[in-house]
PDB file of all heavy atoms in Angstrom:
ATOM      1  N   ALA A   1       0.835  -1.213   0.011  1.00  0.00           N
ATOM      2  CA  ALA A   1      -0.001  -0.007  -0.002  1.00  0.00           C
ATOM      3  C   ALA A   1       0.884   1.254   0.001  1.00  0.00           C
ATOM      4  O   ALA A   1       0.577   2.218  -0.705  1.00  0.00           O
ATOM      5  CB  ALA A   1      -0.925   0.000   1.200  1.00  0.00           C
ATOM      6  N   ARG A   2       1.952   1.223   0.789  1.00  0.00           N
ATOM      7  CA  ARG A   2       2.847   2.386   0.839  1.00  0.00           C
ATOM      8  C   ARG A   2       3.620   2.526  -0.480  1.00  0.00           C
ATOM      9  O   ARG A   2       3.755   3.615  -1.033  1.00  0.00           O
ATOM     10  CB  ARG A   2       3.843   2.226   1.986  1.00  0.00           C
ATOM     11  CG  ARG A   2       4.802   3.413   2.155  1.00  0.00           C
ATOM     12  CD  ARG A   2       5.771   3.161   3.298  1.00  0.00           C
ATOM     13  NE  ARG A   2       6.588   2.013   3.070  1.00  0.00           N
ATOM     14  CZ  ARG A   2       7.700   1.972   2.332  1.00  0.00           C
ATOM     15  NH1 ARG A   2       8.066   3.098   1.690  1.00  0.00           N
ATOM     16  NH2 ARG A   2       8.417   0.914   2.167  1.00  0.00           N
ATOM     17  N   ARG A   3       4.097   1.411  -1.000  1.00  0.00           N
ATOM     18  CA  ARG A   3       4.917   1.435  -2.219  1.00  0.00           C
ATOM     19  C   ARG A   3       4.134   1.864  -3.432  1.00  0.00           C
ATOM     20  O   ARG A   3       4.638   2.614  -4.287  1.00  0.00           O
ATOM     21  CB  ARG A   3       5.518   0.049  -2.440  1.00  0.00           C
ATOM     22  CG  ARG A   3       6.371  -0.095  -3.687  1.00  0.00           C
ATOM     23  CD  ARG A   3       6.905  -1.490  -3.823  1.00  0.00           C
ATOM     24  NE  ARG A   3       7.521  -1.702  -5.139  1.00  0.00           N
ATOM     25  CZ  ARG A   3       7.911  -2.889  -5.582  1.00  0.00           C
ATOM     26  NH1 ARG A   3       7.746  -3.956  -4.833  1.00  0.00           N
ATOM     27  NH2 ARG A   3       8.455  -3.001  -6.758  1.00  0.00           N
ATOM     28  N   THR A   4       2.913   1.409  -3.568  1.00  0.00           N
ATOM     29  CA  THR A   4       2.116   1.681  -4.748  1.00  0.00           C
ATOM     30  C   THR A   4       1.274   2.951  -4.634  1.00  0.00           C
ATOM     31  O   THR A   4       0.809   3.471  -5.660  1.00  0.00           O
ATOM     32  CB  THR A   4       1.169   0.514  -5.079  1.00  0.00           C
ATOM     33  OG1 THR A   4       0.266   0.330  -3.990  1.00  0.00           O
ATOM     34  CG2 THR A   4       1.958  -0.772  -5.294  1.00  0.00           C
ATOM     35  N   GLY A   5       1.058   3.424  -3.437  1.00  0.00           N
ATOM     36  CA  GLY A   5       0.221   4.618  -3.254  1.00  0.00           C
ATOM     37  C   GLY A   5      -1.248   4.373  -3.513  1.00  0.00           C
ATOM     38  O   GLY A   5      -2.018   5.299  -3.723  1.00  0.00           O
ATOM     39  N   THR A   6      -1.658   3.091  -3.477  1.00  0.00           N
ATOM     40  CA  THR A   6      -3.044   2.766  -3.817  1.00  0.00           C
ATOM     41  C   THR A   6      -4.001   2.925  -2.633  1.00  0.00           C
ATOM     42  O   THR A   6      -5.210   2.910  -2.812  1.00  0.00           O
ATOM     43  CB  THR A   6      -3.155   1.320  -4.361  1.00  0.00           C
ATOM     44  OG1 THR A   6      -2.461   0.442  -3.490  1.00  0.00           O
ATOM     45  CG2 THR A   6      -2.576   1.243  -5.766  1.00  0.00           C
ATOM     46  N   PHE A   7      -3.431   3.018  -1.424  1.00  0.00           N
ATOM     47  CA  PHE A   7      -4.260   3.182  -0.247  1.00  0.00           C
ATOM     48  C   PHE A   7      -3.655   4.283   0.632  1.00  0.00           C
ATOM     49  O   PHE A   7      -2.465   4.621   0.535  1.00  0.00           O
ATOM     50  CB  PHE A   7      -4.347   1.899   0.566  1.00  0.00           C
ATOM     51  CG  PHE A   7      -5.205   0.822  -0.069  1.00  0.00           C
ATOM     52  CD1 PHE A   7      -4.624  -0.282  -0.646  1.00  0.00           C
ATOM     53  CD2 PHE A   7      -6.585   0.922  -0.030  1.00  0.00           C
ATOM     54  CE1 PHE A   7      -5.397  -1.269  -1.213  1.00  0.00           C
ATOM     55  CE2 PHE A   7      -7.377  -0.059  -0.624  1.00  0.00           C
ATOM     56  CZ  PHE A   7      -6.776  -1.155  -1.191  1.00  0.00           C
ATOM     57  N   GLY A   8      -4.460   4.778   1.552  1.00  0.00           N
ATOM     58  CA  GLY A   8      -4.000   5.781   2.477  1.00  0.00           C
ATOM     59  C   GLY A   8      -3.210   5.185   3.646  1.00  0.00           C
ATOM     60  O   GLY A   8      -3.000   3.975   3.730  1.00  0.00           O
ATOM     61  N   ARG A   9      -2.800   6.051   4.564  1.00  0.00           N
ATOM     62  CA  ARG A   9      -1.986   5.627   5.703  1.00  0.00           C
ATOM     63  C   ARG A   9      -2.630   4.593   6.595  1.00  0.00           C
ATOM     64  O   ARG A   9      -1.972   3.814   7.258  1.00  0.00           O
ATOM     65  CB  ARG A   9      -1.534   6.836   6.521  1.00  0.00           C
ATOM     66  CG  ARG A   9      -0.521   7.722   5.837  1.00  0.00           C
ATOM     67  CD  ARG A   9       0.077   8.713   6.793  1.00  0.00           C
ATOM     68  NE  ARG A   9      -0.952   9.612   7.341  1.00  0.00           N
ATOM     69  CZ  ARG A   9      -1.269  10.791   6.811  1.00  0.00           C
ATOM     70  NH1 ARG A   9      -0.719  11.191   5.688  1.00  0.00           N
ATOM     71  NH2 ARG A   9      -2.155  11.548   7.374  1.00  0.00           N
ATOM     72  N   GLY A  10      -4.000   4.618   6.649  1.00  0.00           N
ATOM     73  CA  GLY A  10      -4.709   3.665   7.512  1.00  0.00           C
ATOM     74  C   GLY A  10      -4.384   2.236   7.170  1.00  0.00           C
ATOM     75  O   GLY A  10      -4.182   1.393   8.019  1.00  0.00           O
ATOM     76  N   VAL A  11      -4.338   1.930   5.853  1.00  0.00           N
ATOM     77  CA  VAL A  11      -4.017   0.577   5.410  1.00  0.00           C
ATOM     78  C   VAL A  11      -2.540   0.290   5.614  1.00  0.00           C
ATOM     79  O   VAL A  11      -2.138  -0.817   6.021  1.00  0.00           O
ATOM     80  CB  VAL A  11      -4.413   0.372   3.935  1.00  0.00           C
ATOM     81  CG1 VAL A  11      -3.980  -1.014   3.442  1.00  0.00           C
ATOM     82  CG2 VAL A  11      -5.912   0.513   3.773  1.00  0.00           C
ATOM     83  N   VAL A  12      -1.692   1.278   5.351  1.00  0.00           N
ATOM     84  CA  VAL A  12      -0.240   1.076   5.483  1.00  0.00           C
ATOM     85  C   VAL A  12       0.139   0.711   6.903  1.00  0.00           C
ATOM     86  O   VAL A  12       0.700  -0.395   7.156  1.00  0.00           O
ATOM     87  CB  VAL A  12       0.511   2.352   5.061  1.00  0.00           C
ATOM     88  CG1 VAL A  12       2.009   2.175   5.323  1.00  0.00           C
ATOM     89  CG2 VAL A  12       0.273   2.662   3.564  1.00  0.00           C
ATOM     90  N   TRP A  13      -0.179   1.573   7.868  1.00  0.00           N
ATOM     91  CA  TRP A  13       0.327   1.347   9.230  1.00  0.00           C
ATOM     92  C   TRP A  13      -0.456   0.284   9.973  1.00  0.00           C
ATOM     93  O   TRP A  13       0.135  -0.479  10.775  1.00  0.00           O
ATOM     94  CB  TRP A  13       0.325   2.675   9.989  1.00  0.00           C
ATOM     95  CG  TRP A  13       1.315   3.614   9.377  1.00  0.00           C
ATOM     96  CD1 TRP A  13       1.050   4.746   8.674  1.00  0.00           C
ATOM     97  CD2 TRP A  13       2.729   3.464   9.365  1.00  0.00           C
ATOM     98  NE1 TRP A  13       2.221   5.303   8.220  1.00  0.00           N
ATOM     99  CE2 TRP A  13       3.264   4.547   8.634  1.00  0.00           C
ATOM    100  CE3 TRP A  13       3.606   2.480   9.883  1.00  0.00           C
ATOM    101  CZ2 TRP A  13       4.640   4.685   8.408  1.00  0.00           C
ATOM    102  CZ3 TRP A  13       4.991   2.631   9.662  1.00  0.00           C
ATOM    103  CH2 TRP A  13       5.479   3.726   8.934  1.00  0.00           C
ATOM    104  N   SER A  14      -1.726   0.156   9.710  1.00  0.00           N
ATOM    105  CA  SER A  14      -2.456  -0.930  10.363  1.00  0.00           C
ATOM    106  C   SER A  14      -2.044  -2.284   9.808  1.00  0.00           C
ATOM    107  O   SER A  14      -2.021  -3.305  10.518  1.00  0.00           O
ATOM    108  CB  SER A  14      -3.989  -0.750  10.241  1.00  0.00           C
ATOM    109  OG  SER A  14      -4.382  -0.659   8.906  1.00  0.00           O
ATOM    110  N   GLY A  15      -1.677  -2.338   8.503  1.00  0.00           N
ATOM    111  CA  GLY A  15      -1.154  -3.559   7.944  1.00  0.00           C
ATOM    112  C   GLY A  15       0.119  -4.005   8.605  1.00  0.00           C
ATOM    113  O   GLY A  15       0.274  -5.173   8.970  1.00  0.00           O
ATOM    114  N   TYR A  16       1.027  -3.049   8.795  1.00  0.00           N
ATOM    115  CA  TYR A  16       2.282  -3.363   9.510  1.00  0.00           C
ATOM    116  C   TYR A  16       1.970  -3.844  10.925  1.00  0.00           C
ATOM    117  O   TYR A  16       2.509  -4.853  11.386  1.00  0.00           O
ATOM    118  CB  TYR A  16       3.179  -2.119   9.590  1.00  0.00           C
ATOM    119  CG  TYR A  16       3.857  -1.740   8.313  1.00  0.00           C
ATOM    120  CD1 TYR A  16       4.066  -0.385   8.010  1.00  0.00           C
ATOM    121  CD2 TYR A  16       4.307  -2.670   7.394  1.00  0.00           C
ATOM    122  CE1 TYR A  16       4.680   0.014   6.828  1.00  0.00           C
ATOM    123  CE2 TYR A  16       4.945  -2.305   6.226  1.00  0.00           C
ATOM    124  CZ  TYR A  16       5.153  -0.949   5.942  1.00  0.00           C
ATOM    125  OH  TYR A  16       5.760  -0.568   4.789  1.00  0.00           O
ATOM    126  N   THR A  17       1.109  -3.102  11.599  1.00  0.00           N
ATOM    127  CA  THR A  17       0.838  -3.368  13.014  1.00  0.00           C
ATOM    128  C   THR A  17       0.168  -4.689  13.267  1.00  0.00           C
ATOM    129  O   THR A  17       0.537  -5.471  14.137  1.00  0.00           O
ATOM    130  CB  THR A  17      -0.005  -2.244  13.642  1.00  0.00           C
ATOM    131  OG1 THR A  17       0.668  -0.975  13.450  1.00  0.00           O
ATOM    132  CG2 THR A  17      -0.209  -2.466  15.130  1.00  0.00           C
ATOM    133  N   VAL A  18      -0.862  -5.003  12.460  1.00  0.00           N
ATOM    134  CA  VAL A  18      -1.563  -6.270  12.665  1.00  0.00           C
ATOM    135  C   VAL A  18      -0.691  -7.462  12.333  1.00  0.00           C
ATOM    136  O   VAL A  18      -0.686  -8.467  13.055  1.00  0.00           O
ATOM    137  CB  VAL A  18      -2.871  -6.301  11.849  1.00  0.00           C
ATOM    138  CG1 VAL A  18      -2.622  -6.429  10.363  1.00  0.00           C
ATOM    139  CG2 VAL A  18      -3.752  -7.449  12.326  1.00  0.00           C
ATOM    140  N   GLY A  19       0.136  -7.328  11.323  1.00  0.00           N
ATOM    141  CA  GLY A  19       1.035  -8.431  10.977  1.00  0.00           C
ATOM    142  C   GLY A  19       2.035  -8.706  12.070  1.00  0.00           C
ATOM    143  O   GLY A  19       2.231  -9.866  12.471  1.00  0.00           O
ATOM    144  N   ILE A  20       2.639  -7.661  12.594  1.00  0.00           N
ATOM    145  CA  ILE A  20       3.630  -7.824  13.672  1.00  0.00           C
ATOM    146  C   ILE A  20       2.949  -8.351  14.945  1.00  0.00           C
ATOM    147  O   ILE A  20       3.479  -9.205  15.647  1.00  0.00           O
ATOM    148  CB  ILE A  20       4.330  -6.456  13.941  1.00  0.00           C
ATOM    149  CG1 ILE A  20       5.227  -6.137  12.724  1.00  0.00           C
ATOM    150  CG2 ILE A  20       5.169  -6.556  15.204  1.00  0.00           C
ATOM    151  CD1 ILE A  20       5.780  -4.736  12.757  1.00  0.00           C
ATOM    152  N   SER A  21       1.726  -7.881  15.228  1.00  0.00           N
ATOM    153  CA  SER A  21       0.999  -8.317  16.414  1.00  0.00           C
ATOM    154  C   SER A  21       0.725  -9.828  16.343  1.00  0.00           C
ATOM    155  O   SER A  21       0.806 -10.532  17.360  1.00  0.00           O
ATOM    156  CB  SER A  21      -0.306  -7.539  16.579  1.00  0.00           C
ATOM    157  OG  SER A  21      -0.065  -6.184  16.823  1.00  0.00           O
ATOM    158  N   ILE A  22       0.357 -10.302  15.171  1.00  0.00           N
ATOM    159  CA  ILE A  22       0.107 -11.764  15.022  1.00  0.00           C
ATOM    160  C   ILE A  22       1.389 -12.529  15.309  1.00  0.00           C
ATOM    161  O   ILE A  22       1.358 -13.536  16.044  1.00  0.00           O
ATOM    162  CB  ILE A  22      -0.422 -12.051  13.618  1.00  0.00           C
ATOM    163  CG1 ILE A  22      -1.877 -11.565  13.469  1.00  0.00           C
ATOM    164  CG2 ILE A  22      -0.370 -13.560  13.330  1.00  0.00           C
ATOM    165  CD1 ILE A  22      -2.419 -11.699  12.059  1.00  0.00           C
ATOM    166  N   LEU A  23       2.490 -12.081  14.772  1.00  0.00           N
ATOM    167  CA  LEU A  23       3.734 -12.781  14.976  1.00  0.00           C
ATOM    168  C   LEU A  23       4.164 -12.757  16.455  1.00  0.00           C
ATOM    169  O   LEU A  23       4.638 -13.758  16.992  1.00  0.00           O
ATOM    170  CB  LEU A  23       4.833 -12.190  14.096  1.00  0.00           C
ATOM    171  CG  LEU A  23       4.579 -12.298  12.593  1.00  0.00           C
ATOM    172  CD1 LEU A  23       5.650 -11.589  11.778  1.00  0.00           C
ATOM    173  CD2 LEU A  23       4.452 -13.748  12.150  1.00  0.00           C
ATOM    174  N   VAL A  24       3.953 -11.646  17.115  1.00  0.00           N
ATOM    175  CA  VAL A  24       4.231 -11.521  18.551  1.00  0.00           C
ATOM    176  C   VAL A  24       3.335 -12.477  19.335  1.00  0.00           C
ATOM    177  O   VAL A  24       3.773 -13.180  20.265  1.00  0.00           O
ATOM    178  CB  VAL A  24       4.064 -10.076  19.044  1.00  0.00           C
ATOM    179  CG1 VAL A  24       4.092 -10.009  20.570  1.00  0.00           C
ATOM    180  CG2 VAL A  24       5.178  -9.202  18.470  1.00  0.00           C
ATOM    181  N   GLY A  25       2.032 -12.478  18.987  1.00  0.00           N
ATOM    182  CA  GLY A  25       1.090 -13.360  19.673  1.00  0.00           C
ATOM    183  C   GLY A  25       1.478 -14.832  19.562  1.00  0.00           C
ATOM    184  O   GLY A  25       1.285 -15.605  20.508  1.00  0.00           O
ATOM    185  N   LEU A  26       2.023 -15.241  18.410  1.00  0.00           N
ATOM    186  CA  LEU A  26       2.402 -16.609  18.246  1.00  0.00           C
ATOM    187  C   LEU A  26       3.587 -16.981  19.158  1.00  0.00           C
ATOM    188  O   LEU A  26       3.659 -18.132  19.597  1.00  0.00           O
ATOM    189  CB  LEU A  26       2.776 -16.876  16.762  1.00  0.00           C
ATOM    190  CG  LEU A  26       1.614 -16.871  15.780  1.00  0.00           C
ATOM    191  CD1 LEU A  26       2.138 -17.035  14.367  1.00  0.00           C
ATOM    192  CD2 LEU A  26       0.636 -18.001  16.115  1.00  0.00           C
ATOM    193  N   VAL A  27       4.445 -16.025  19.402  1.00  0.00           N
ATOM    194  CA  VAL A  27       5.557 -16.276  20.331  1.00  0.00           C
ATOM    195  C   VAL A  27       5.016 -16.643  21.705  1.00  0.00           C
ATOM    196  O   VAL A  27       5.477 -17.580  22.351  1.00  0.00           O
ATOM    197  CB  VAL A  27       6.488 -15.060  20.425  1.00  0.00           C
ATOM    198  CG1 VAL A  27       7.532 -15.248  21.522  1.00  0.00           C
ATOM    199  CG2 VAL A  27       7.184 -14.821  19.082  1.00  0.00           C
ATOM    200  N   GLY A  28       3.970 -15.912  22.134  1.00  0.00           N
ATOM    201  CA  GLY A  28       3.377 -16.213  23.427  1.00  0.00           C
ATOM    202  C   GLY A  28       2.536 -17.481  23.373  1.00  0.00           C
ATOM    203  O   GLY A  28       2.494 -18.233  24.357  1.00  0.00           O
ATOM    204  N   ALA A  29       1.890 -17.729  22.233  1.00  0.00           N
ATOM    205  CA  ALA A  29       0.977 -18.873  22.154  1.00  0.00           C
ATOM    206  C   ALA A  29       1.669 -20.199  22.358  1.00  0.00           C
ATOM    207  O   ALA A  29       1.061 -21.164  22.828  1.00  0.00           O
ATOM    208  CB  ALA A  29       0.244 -18.865  20.800  1.00  0.00           C
ATOM    209  N   VAL A  30       2.946 -20.291  21.995  1.00  0.00           N
ATOM    210  CA  VAL A  30       3.646 -21.553  22.210  1.00  0.00           C
ATOM    211  C   VAL A  30       3.821 -21.835  23.702  1.00  0.00           C
ATOM    212  O   VAL A  30       4.084 -22.970  24.115  1.00  0.00           O
ATOM    213  CB  VAL A  30       5.019 -21.587  21.503  1.00  0.00           C
ATOM    214  CG1 VAL A  30       4.861 -21.475  19.999  1.00  0.00           C
ATOM    215  CG2 VAL A  30       5.964 -20.516  22.028  1.00  0.00           C
ATOM    216  N   GLN A  31       3.622 -20.797  24.547  1.00  0.00           N
ATOM    217  CA  GLN A  31       3.690 -20.980  25.997  1.00  0.00           C
ATOM    218  C   GLN A  31       2.312 -21.256  26.575  1.00  0.00           C
ATOM    219  O   GLN A  31       2.221 -21.645  27.755  1.00  0.00           O
ATOM    220  CB  GLN A  31       4.274 -19.727  26.622  1.00  0.00           C
ATOM    221  CG  GLN A  31       5.641 -19.315  26.102  1.00  0.00           C
ATOM    222  CD  GLN A  31       6.681 -20.392  26.323  1.00  0.00           C
ATOM    223  OE1 GLN A  31       6.705 -21.038  27.383  1.00  0.00           O
ATOM    224  NE2 GLN A  31       7.537 -20.588  25.341  1.00  0.00           N
TER     225      GLN A  31
END
């Protein structure tokens, strides 16, 4: 979204944030 300019900042930063949050959650989920 950031590279192509096809969406606004809402998609850019929430895309980054939700992806990272999922990966962080998986680290905890193994516990």
